[in-house]
Each structure stands twice: as C-alpha cells, then as structure tokens.
Amino acid sequence: MKSYRKELWFSTSSRRELINITPDVLNCIYESGVKEGLCLVNAMHITASVFINDDESGLHNDYERWLEKLAPEKPYSQYQHNGYEDNADAHLKRTIMGREVVVAITNGQLDFGPWEQIFYGEFDGKRRKRVLVKIIGE
C-alpha cells in the first residue's frame, strides 16, 4: 500500500473566503500514483474548514449570509472567547462547516457525485494557513 502526504498553503486577502481546491487535490492524487484508495483532506487550523459542495457563486453567497446569521462576526463583545483575539465567530463557523472530507479514489480520480467539489473555507484570514492531503491506497 502506498502512502502520500502533502500540505497545501493558502493566504487569503479577506477575513472570509471559499476556495475551490479540487484541482490541487487532483494534482496530489496524480503525484501519489494511487489509483484505488482514499483521500483525506483536512484543515490544519481551528478557524478554517474543508467541505464538499457545488461551485456556484450564489450558493457561496448563501453560505456567507447563513453563517453570519448563525455566528455573526460583530459585535466582538458578544463572545467570551474574544479578548486577545476577535475570532470566536470563525471558530463557530468552522464547527458548522466541518474539519475534513474523505473521498474515494477510483481509477486515479476522485469518486465524486454530480457537481461535487472540495473547498477550503477560511473564516479568519489574512494570514498563511495550511490544508493536509493524505492519500492511501494502491
């Protein structure tokens, strides 16, 4: 069985951003040489997320509005966590969106359903953060 590990690094220019990382993950699968197996993709920071959904701008705007209703960024004083940092909302948004995804690899490709793509969700950006890609298989 083969094992492959790579870190993908991201720097966003805004506090919140959704980035389609499917091409990056596909490149990792190609580099790994795995044709049949599993691919784990997980955010390595507590204020970021990895999730699967459709790459559609209206949906991304819906996420932004929905997440702000559930865990609004401001006022910062509404959160006990905020003191040294002002990112309590980002921690909550990450919990809602999830930490990682696992996708089957079949014939050297991600075994997706229709329209599925892998996204990195940044909720406390403007600094460098990473995503782990771990692939195992044959």
N, C-alpha and C. Protein backbone atom coordinates (compact mmCIF):
# COMPACT_ATOMS: atom_id res chain seq x y z
N MET A 1 0.84 -1.19 0.00
CA MET A 1 0.00 0.00 0.00
C MET A 1 0.88 1.25 0.00
N LYS A 2 0.51 2.22 -0.79
CA LYS A 2 1.21 3.49 -0.86
C LYS A 2 0.62 4.47 0.15
N SER A 3 1.45 5.39 0.60
CA SER A 3 1.01 6.48 1.48
C SER A 3 1.65 7.77 0.98
N TYR A 4 0.86 8.82 0.91
CA TYR A 4 1.32 10.11 0.39
C TYR A 4 0.79 11.20 1.31
N ARG A 5 1.63 12.21 1.55
CA ARG A 5 1.23 13.35 2.38
C ARG A 5 1.76 14.63 1.76
N LYS A 6 0.89 15.64 1.71
CA LYS A 6 1.30 16.96 1.21
C LYS A 6 0.51 18.03 1.93
N GLU A 7 1.17 19.15 2.19
CA GLU A 7 0.49 20.32 2.76
C GLU A 7 0.26 21.34 1.66
N LEU A 8 -0.97 21.84 1.59
CA LEU A 8 -1.32 22.93 0.68
C LEU A 8 -1.42 24.19 1.53
N TRP A 9 -0.81 25.27 1.09
CA TRP A 9 -0.79 26.52 1.86
C TRP A 9 -1.64 27.58 1.17
N PHE A 10 -2.37 28.34 1.98
CA PHE A 10 -3.25 29.38 1.45
C PHE A 10 -3.07 30.67 2.24
N SER A 11 -3.11 31.78 1.53
CA SER A 11 -3.12 33.11 2.14
C SER A 11 -4.27 33.88 1.49
N THR A 12 -5.24 34.25 2.28
CA THR A 12 -6.39 34.97 1.73
C THR A 12 -6.23 36.47 1.98
N SER A 13 -6.82 37.25 1.11
CA SER A 13 -6.74 38.70 1.26
C SER A 13 -7.90 39.25 2.08
N SER A 14 -8.88 38.41 2.37
CA SER A 14 -10.02 38.84 3.18
C SER A 14 -10.21 37.90 4.37
N ARG A 15 -11.01 38.32 5.32
CA ARG A 15 -11.24 37.52 6.52
C ARG A 15 -11.92 36.20 6.19
N ARG A 16 -12.90 36.22 5.28
CA ARG A 16 -13.62 35.01 4.90
C ARG A 16 -13.52 34.80 3.40
N GLU A 17 -13.26 33.55 3.03
CA GLU A 17 -13.14 33.23 1.62
C GLU A 17 -13.35 31.73 1.42
N LEU A 18 -13.97 31.37 0.31
CA LEU A 18 -14.11 29.97 -0.08
C LEU A 18 -13.27 29.75 -1.33
N ILE A 19 -12.41 28.73 -1.29
CA ILE A 19 -11.51 28.44 -2.39
C ILE A 19 -11.73 27.01 -2.87
N ASN A 20 -11.98 26.85 -4.15
CA ASN A 20 -12.11 25.52 -4.73
C ASN A 20 -10.71 24.91 -4.84
N ILE A 21 -10.44 23.87 -4.05
CA ILE A 21 -9.12 23.24 -4.04
C ILE A 21 -9.13 21.89 -4.76
N THR A 22 -10.20 21.58 -5.47
CA THR A 22 -10.28 20.31 -6.19
C THR A 22 -9.09 20.11 -7.12
N PRO A 23 -8.70 21.09 -7.94
CA PRO A 23 -7.53 20.88 -8.82
C PRO A 23 -6.25 20.55 -8.04
N ASP A 24 -6.06 21.19 -6.88
CA ASP A 24 -4.89 20.92 -6.05
C ASP A 24 -4.90 19.48 -5.54
N VAL A 25 -6.09 19.02 -5.12
CA VAL A 25 -6.21 17.66 -4.60
C VAL A 25 -6.01 16.64 -5.72
N LEU A 26 -6.56 16.92 -6.90
CA LEU A 26 -6.35 16.04 -8.05
C LEU A 26 -4.87 15.94 -8.40
N ASN A 27 -4.15 17.05 -8.30
CA ASN A 27 -2.71 17.03 -8.55
C ASN A 27 -2.00 16.14 -7.53
N CYS A 28 -2.44 16.18 -6.28
CA CYS A 28 -1.86 15.31 -5.24
C CYS A 28 -2.09 13.85 -5.58
N ILE A 29 -3.29 13.52 -6.05
CA ILE A 29 -3.58 12.13 -6.43
C ILE A 29 -2.65 11.69 -7.56
N TYR A 30 -2.47 12.56 -8.54
CA TYR A 30 -1.56 12.25 -9.65
C TYR A 30 -0.14 12.03 -9.12
N GLU A 31 0.34 12.93 -8.25
CA GLU A 31 1.68 12.81 -7.68
C GLU A 31 1.83 11.53 -6.87
N SER A 32 0.79 11.11 -6.18
CA SER A 32 0.85 9.94 -5.31
C SER A 32 0.96 8.64 -6.09
N GLY A 33 0.42 8.62 -7.29
CA GLY A 33 0.38 7.39 -8.07
C GLY A 33 -0.69 6.41 -7.64
N VAL A 34 -1.51 6.79 -6.67
CA VAL A 34 -2.57 5.91 -6.17
C VAL A 34 -3.71 5.88 -7.19
N LYS A 35 -4.14 4.69 -7.55
CA LYS A 35 -5.25 4.51 -8.50
C LYS A 35 -6.53 4.10 -7.78
N GLU A 36 -6.40 3.39 -6.66
CA GLU A 36 -7.55 2.93 -5.87
C GLU A 36 -7.22 3.16 -4.40
N GLY A 37 -8.06 3.95 -3.72
CA GLY A 37 -7.77 4.21 -2.31
C GLY A 37 -8.66 5.28 -1.74
N LEU A 38 -8.12 5.99 -0.75
CA LEU A 38 -8.85 7.04 -0.05
C LEU A 38 -8.00 8.30 0.04
N CYS A 39 -8.68 9.42 -0.03
CA CYS A 39 -8.02 10.72 0.07
C CYS A 39 -8.66 11.52 1.20
N LEU A 40 -7.87 11.83 2.21
CA LEU A 40 -8.31 12.68 3.32
C LEU A 40 -7.79 14.09 3.05
N VAL A 41 -8.67 15.07 3.20
CA VAL A 41 -8.28 16.47 3.06
C VAL A 41 -8.81 17.19 4.29
N ASN A 42 -7.90 17.75 5.10
CA ASN A 42 -8.38 18.43 6.31
C ASN A 42 -7.66 19.73 6.59
N ALA A 43 -8.42 20.67 7.12
CA ALA A 43 -7.88 21.96 7.54
C ALA A 43 -7.02 21.75 8.78
N MET A 44 -5.86 22.38 8.80
CA MET A 44 -4.93 22.24 9.91
C MET A 44 -5.00 23.45 10.85
N HIS A 45 -6.08 24.21 10.76
CA HIS A 45 -6.26 25.39 11.60
C HIS A 45 -7.70 25.41 12.10
N ILE A 46 -7.89 25.80 13.32
CA ILE A 46 -9.19 25.71 14.00
C ILE A 46 -10.20 26.75 13.52
N THR A 47 -9.78 27.68 12.68
CA THR A 47 -10.70 28.68 12.14
C THR A 47 -10.86 28.55 10.62
N ALA A 48 -10.59 27.35 10.11
CA ALA A 48 -10.75 27.06 8.68
C ALA A 48 -11.43 25.72 8.53
N SER A 49 -11.96 25.48 7.34
CA SER A 49 -12.77 24.29 7.09
C SER A 49 -12.43 23.68 5.74
N VAL A 50 -12.72 22.40 5.60
CA VAL A 50 -12.71 21.74 4.29
C VAL A 50 -14.06 21.04 4.17
N PHE A 51 -14.72 21.25 3.04
CA PHE A 51 -16.05 20.66 2.84
C PHE A 51 -16.28 20.41 1.37
N ILE A 52 -17.33 19.66 1.06
CA ILE A 52 -17.69 19.36 -0.32
C ILE A 52 -19.05 19.98 -0.62
N ASN A 53 -19.12 20.65 -1.77
CA ASN A 53 -20.39 21.17 -2.26
C ASN A 53 -20.22 21.62 -3.71
N ASP A 54 -21.22 22.32 -4.20
CA ASP A 54 -21.26 22.81 -5.58
C ASP A 54 -20.45 24.11 -5.70
N ASP A 55 -19.75 24.28 -6.80
CA ASP A 55 -19.00 25.51 -7.05
C ASP A 55 -19.90 26.49 -7.79
N GLU A 56 -20.78 27.13 -7.04
CA GLU A 56 -21.78 28.04 -7.61
C GLU A 56 -21.79 29.30 -6.78
N SER A 57 -21.58 30.45 -7.39
CA SER A 57 -21.40 31.71 -6.65
C SER A 57 -22.61 32.07 -5.80
N GLY A 58 -23.82 31.81 -6.29
CA GLY A 58 -25.00 32.10 -5.48
C GLY A 58 -25.00 31.30 -4.19
N LEU A 59 -24.62 30.04 -4.28
CA LEU A 59 -24.52 29.19 -3.08
C LEU A 59 -23.46 29.73 -2.12
N HIS A 60 -22.34 30.17 -2.66
CA HIS A 60 -21.29 30.72 -1.81
C HIS A 60 -21.77 31.97 -1.08
N ASN A 61 -22.53 32.81 -1.76
CA ASN A 61 -23.12 33.98 -1.10
C ASN A 61 -24.13 33.57 -0.05
N ASP A 62 -24.89 32.51 -0.32
CA ASP A 62 -25.83 31.99 0.67
C ASP A 62 -25.10 31.50 1.92
N TYR A 63 -23.97 30.82 1.72
CA TYR A 63 -23.17 30.38 2.87
C TYR A 63 -22.76 31.58 3.72
N GLU A 64 -22.27 32.62 3.07
CA GLU A 64 -21.83 33.81 3.81
C GLU A 64 -22.95 34.39 4.65
N ARG A 65 -24.12 34.57 4.07
CA ARG A 65 -25.26 35.12 4.81
C ARG A 65 -25.71 34.18 5.93
N TRP A 66 -25.81 32.90 5.63
CA TRP A 66 -26.26 31.91 6.60
C TRP A 66 -25.30 31.82 7.79
N LEU A 67 -24.00 31.74 7.50
CA LEU A 67 -23.03 31.65 8.58
C LEU A 67 -23.00 32.92 9.43
N GLU A 68 -23.19 34.07 8.82
CA GLU A 68 -23.23 35.32 9.58
C GLU A 68 -24.46 35.39 10.48
N LYS A 69 -25.56 34.79 10.06
CA LYS A 69 -26.75 34.73 10.92
C LYS A 69 -26.51 33.82 12.11
N LEU A 70 -25.84 32.69 11.87
CA LEU A 70 -25.60 31.71 12.94
C LEU A 70 -24.51 32.17 13.90
N ALA A 71 -23.45 32.76 13.37
CA ALA A 71 -22.31 33.19 14.19
C ALA A 71 -21.78 34.51 13.65
N PRO A 72 -22.48 35.62 13.96
CA PRO A 72 -22.05 36.91 13.42
C PRO A 72 -20.68 37.34 13.95
N GLU A 73 -19.91 37.95 13.07
CA GLU A 73 -18.57 38.41 13.47
C GLU A 73 -18.65 39.48 14.55
N LYS A 74 -19.59 40.43 14.39
CA LYS A 74 -19.68 41.56 15.32
C LYS A 74 -21.07 41.61 15.95
N PRO A 75 -21.20 42.16 17.13
CA PRO A 75 -20.14 42.80 17.91
C PRO A 75 -19.22 41.77 18.56
N TYR A 76 -17.93 42.07 18.59
CA TYR A 76 -16.95 41.16 19.15
C TYR A 76 -17.24 40.86 20.62
N SER A 77 -17.85 41.80 21.30
CA SER A 77 -18.11 41.66 22.74
C SER A 77 -19.15 40.58 23.07
N GLN A 78 -19.85 40.06 22.07
CA GLN A 78 -20.86 39.04 22.34
C GLN A 78 -20.25 37.68 22.68
N TYR A 79 -18.95 37.52 22.47
CA TYR A 79 -18.29 36.23 22.68
C TYR A 79 -17.32 36.29 23.85
N GLN A 80 -17.39 35.30 24.74
CA GLN A 80 -16.45 35.23 25.84
C GLN A 80 -15.03 34.94 25.37
N HIS A 81 -14.90 34.22 24.26
CA HIS A 81 -13.57 33.88 23.71
C HIS A 81 -12.80 35.14 23.30
N ASN A 82 -13.49 36.12 22.78
CA ASN A 82 -12.81 37.31 22.26
C ASN A 82 -12.22 38.12 23.41
N GLY A 83 -10.99 38.39 23.29
CA GLY A 83 -10.23 39.16 24.26
C GLY A 83 -8.89 39.42 23.62
N TYR A 84 -8.04 38.40 23.61
CA TYR A 84 -6.76 38.50 22.92
C TYR A 84 -6.97 38.54 21.41
N GLU A 85 -7.93 37.75 20.93
CA GLU A 85 -8.26 37.72 19.51
C GLU A 85 -9.73 38.07 19.32
N ASP A 86 -10.12 38.34 18.08
CA ASP A 86 -11.51 38.68 17.79
C ASP A 86 -12.12 37.66 16.82
N ASN A 87 -11.80 36.37 17.03
CA ASN A 87 -12.18 35.38 16.04
C ASN A 87 -13.11 34.28 16.55
N ALA A 88 -13.85 34.52 17.60
CA ALA A 88 -14.76 33.49 18.12
C ALA A 88 -15.73 33.03 17.05
N ASP A 89 -16.23 33.96 16.25
CA ASP A 89 -17.16 33.60 15.19
C ASP A 89 -16.54 32.62 14.21
N ALA A 90 -15.24 32.77 13.92
CA ALA A 90 -14.55 31.89 12.99
C ALA A 90 -14.46 30.47 13.53
N HIS A 91 -14.26 30.33 14.83
CA HIS A 91 -14.25 29.00 15.45
C HIS A 91 -15.61 28.32 15.29
N LEU A 92 -16.67 29.09 15.51
CA LEU A 92 -18.02 28.53 15.39
C LEU A 92 -18.35 28.18 13.94
N LYS A 93 -17.96 29.03 13.01
CA LYS A 93 -18.21 28.76 11.58
C LYS A 93 -17.50 27.49 11.14
N ARG A 94 -16.29 27.29 11.62
CA ARG A 94 -15.54 26.08 11.29
C ARG A 94 -16.27 24.84 11.81
N THR A 95 -16.80 24.92 13.03
CA THR A 95 -17.52 23.78 13.59
C THR A 95 -18.73 23.45 12.72
N ILE A 96 -19.43 24.45 12.25
CA ILE A 96 -20.61 24.24 11.41
C ILE A 96 -20.22 23.61 10.07
N MET A 97 -19.15 24.09 9.45
CA MET A 97 -18.77 23.65 8.10
C MET A 97 -17.93 22.37 8.09
N GLY A 98 -17.31 22.04 9.20
CA GLY A 98 -16.56 20.79 9.28
C GLY A 98 -15.07 20.94 9.09
N ARG A 99 -14.36 19.94 9.55
CA ARG A 99 -12.89 19.95 9.54
C ARG A 99 -12.31 19.29 8.30
N GLU A 100 -12.91 18.17 7.83
CA GLU A 100 -12.29 17.41 6.77
C GLU A 100 -13.29 16.69 5.90
N VAL A 101 -12.77 16.16 4.80
CA VAL A 101 -13.53 15.27 3.93
C VAL A 101 -12.66 14.08 3.59
N VAL A 102 -13.31 12.95 3.33
CA VAL A 102 -12.64 11.76 2.83
C VAL A 102 -13.37 11.37 1.55
N VAL A 103 -12.61 11.21 0.47
CA VAL A 103 -13.19 10.88 -0.82
C VAL A 103 -12.49 9.64 -1.36
N ALA A 104 -13.28 8.73 -1.90
CA ALA A 104 -12.72 7.54 -2.54
C ALA A 104 -11.97 7.94 -3.81
N ILE A 105 -10.91 7.20 -4.08
CA ILE A 105 -10.17 7.34 -5.34
C ILE A 105 -10.45 6.09 -6.16
N THR A 106 -10.94 6.27 -7.36
CA THR A 106 -11.24 5.17 -8.27
C THR A 106 -10.63 5.49 -9.63
N ASN A 107 -9.84 4.57 -10.13
CA ASN A 107 -9.16 4.78 -11.42
C ASN A 107 -8.36 6.09 -11.43
N GLY A 108 -7.73 6.42 -10.31
CA GLY A 108 -6.88 7.60 -10.22
C GLY A 108 -7.61 8.92 -10.17
N GLN A 109 -8.93 8.89 -9.93
CA GLN A 109 -9.75 10.11 -9.88
C GLN A 109 -10.57 10.16 -8.60
N LEU A 110 -10.94 11.36 -8.18
CA LEU A 110 -11.86 11.50 -7.05
C LEU A 110 -13.21 10.93 -7.47
N ASP A 111 -13.77 10.09 -6.65
CA ASP A 111 -15.04 9.42 -6.96
C ASP A 111 -16.19 10.28 -6.43
N PHE A 112 -16.50 11.34 -7.17
CA PHE A 112 -17.49 12.34 -6.80
C PHE A 112 -18.87 12.02 -7.37
N GLY A 113 -19.88 12.58 -6.72
CA GLY A 113 -21.21 12.66 -7.30
C GLY A 113 -21.27 13.88 -8.20
N PRO A 114 -22.38 14.06 -8.90
CA PRO A 114 -22.51 15.22 -9.80
C PRO A 114 -22.32 16.54 -9.04
N TRP A 115 -21.53 17.41 -9.61
CA TRP A 115 -21.29 18.78 -9.14
C TRP A 115 -20.42 18.88 -7.89
N GLU A 116 -20.02 17.77 -7.30
CA GLU A 116 -19.23 17.85 -6.07
C GLU A 116 -17.82 18.39 -6.34
N GLN A 117 -17.39 19.28 -5.46
CA GLN A 117 -16.06 19.88 -5.49
C GLN A 117 -15.59 20.01 -4.04
N ILE A 118 -14.28 20.08 -3.84
CA ILE A 118 -13.72 20.24 -2.50
C ILE A 118 -13.34 21.71 -2.30
N PHE A 119 -13.74 22.26 -1.16
CA PHE A 119 -13.47 23.66 -0.84
C PHE A 119 -12.70 23.82 0.46
N TYR A 120 -11.84 24.82 0.45
CA TYR A 120 -11.21 25.32 1.67
C TYR A 120 -12.01 26.54 2.08
N GLY A 121 -12.53 26.53 3.30
CA GLY A 121 -13.27 27.67 3.83
C GLY A 121 -12.43 28.39 4.87
N GLU A 122 -12.12 29.64 4.59
CA GLU A 122 -11.34 30.47 5.51
C GLU A 122 -12.29 31.41 6.23
N PHE A 123 -12.24 31.43 7.57
CA PHE A 123 -13.14 32.26 8.36
C PHE A 123 -12.42 33.28 9.24
N ASP A 124 -11.09 33.25 9.23
CA ASP A 124 -10.28 34.22 9.97
C ASP A 124 -8.97 34.42 9.21
N GLY A 125 -9.09 34.96 8.01
CA GLY A 125 -7.98 35.00 7.08
C GLY A 125 -6.99 36.13 7.28
N LYS A 126 -6.32 36.41 6.19
CA LYS A 126 -5.25 37.41 6.12
C LYS A 126 -3.98 36.93 6.79
N ARG A 127 -3.83 35.60 6.85
CA ARG A 127 -2.57 35.01 7.29
C ARG A 127 -2.44 33.63 6.65
N ARG A 128 -1.25 33.13 6.62
CA ARG A 128 -0.94 31.88 5.92
C ARG A 128 -1.43 30.68 6.74
N LYS A 129 -2.18 29.80 6.07
CA LYS A 129 -2.69 28.60 6.73
C LYS A 129 -2.56 27.41 5.79
N ARG A 130 -2.71 26.20 6.35
CA ARG A 130 -2.48 25.01 5.55
C ARG A 130 -3.59 23.99 5.63
N VAL A 131 -3.61 23.15 4.61
CA VAL A 131 -4.52 22.02 4.50
C VAL A 131 -3.66 20.78 4.29
N LEU A 132 -4.00 19.70 4.96
CA LEU A 132 -3.30 18.44 4.81
C LEU A 132 -4.04 17.56 3.81
N VAL A 133 -3.29 16.98 2.87
CA VAL A 133 -3.83 15.96 1.96
C VAL A 133 -3.08 14.68 2.27
N LYS A 134 -3.82 13.63 2.67
CA LYS A 134 -3.23 12.33 2.97
C LYS A 134 -3.93 11.30 2.10
N ILE A 135 -3.14 10.58 1.31
CA ILE A 135 -3.70 9.60 0.38
C ILE A 135 -3.10 8.24 0.69
N ILE A 136 -3.97 7.23 0.78
CA ILE A 136 -3.50 5.86 0.96
C ILE A 136 -4.21 4.96 -0.06
N GLY A 137 -3.49 3.96 -0.52
CA GLY A 137 -4.08 3.03 -1.46
C GLY A 137 -3.04 2.37 -2.34
N GLU A 138 -3.51 1.82 -3.41
CA GLU A 138 -2.64 1.10 -4.36
C GLU A 138 -2.64 1.78 -5.71
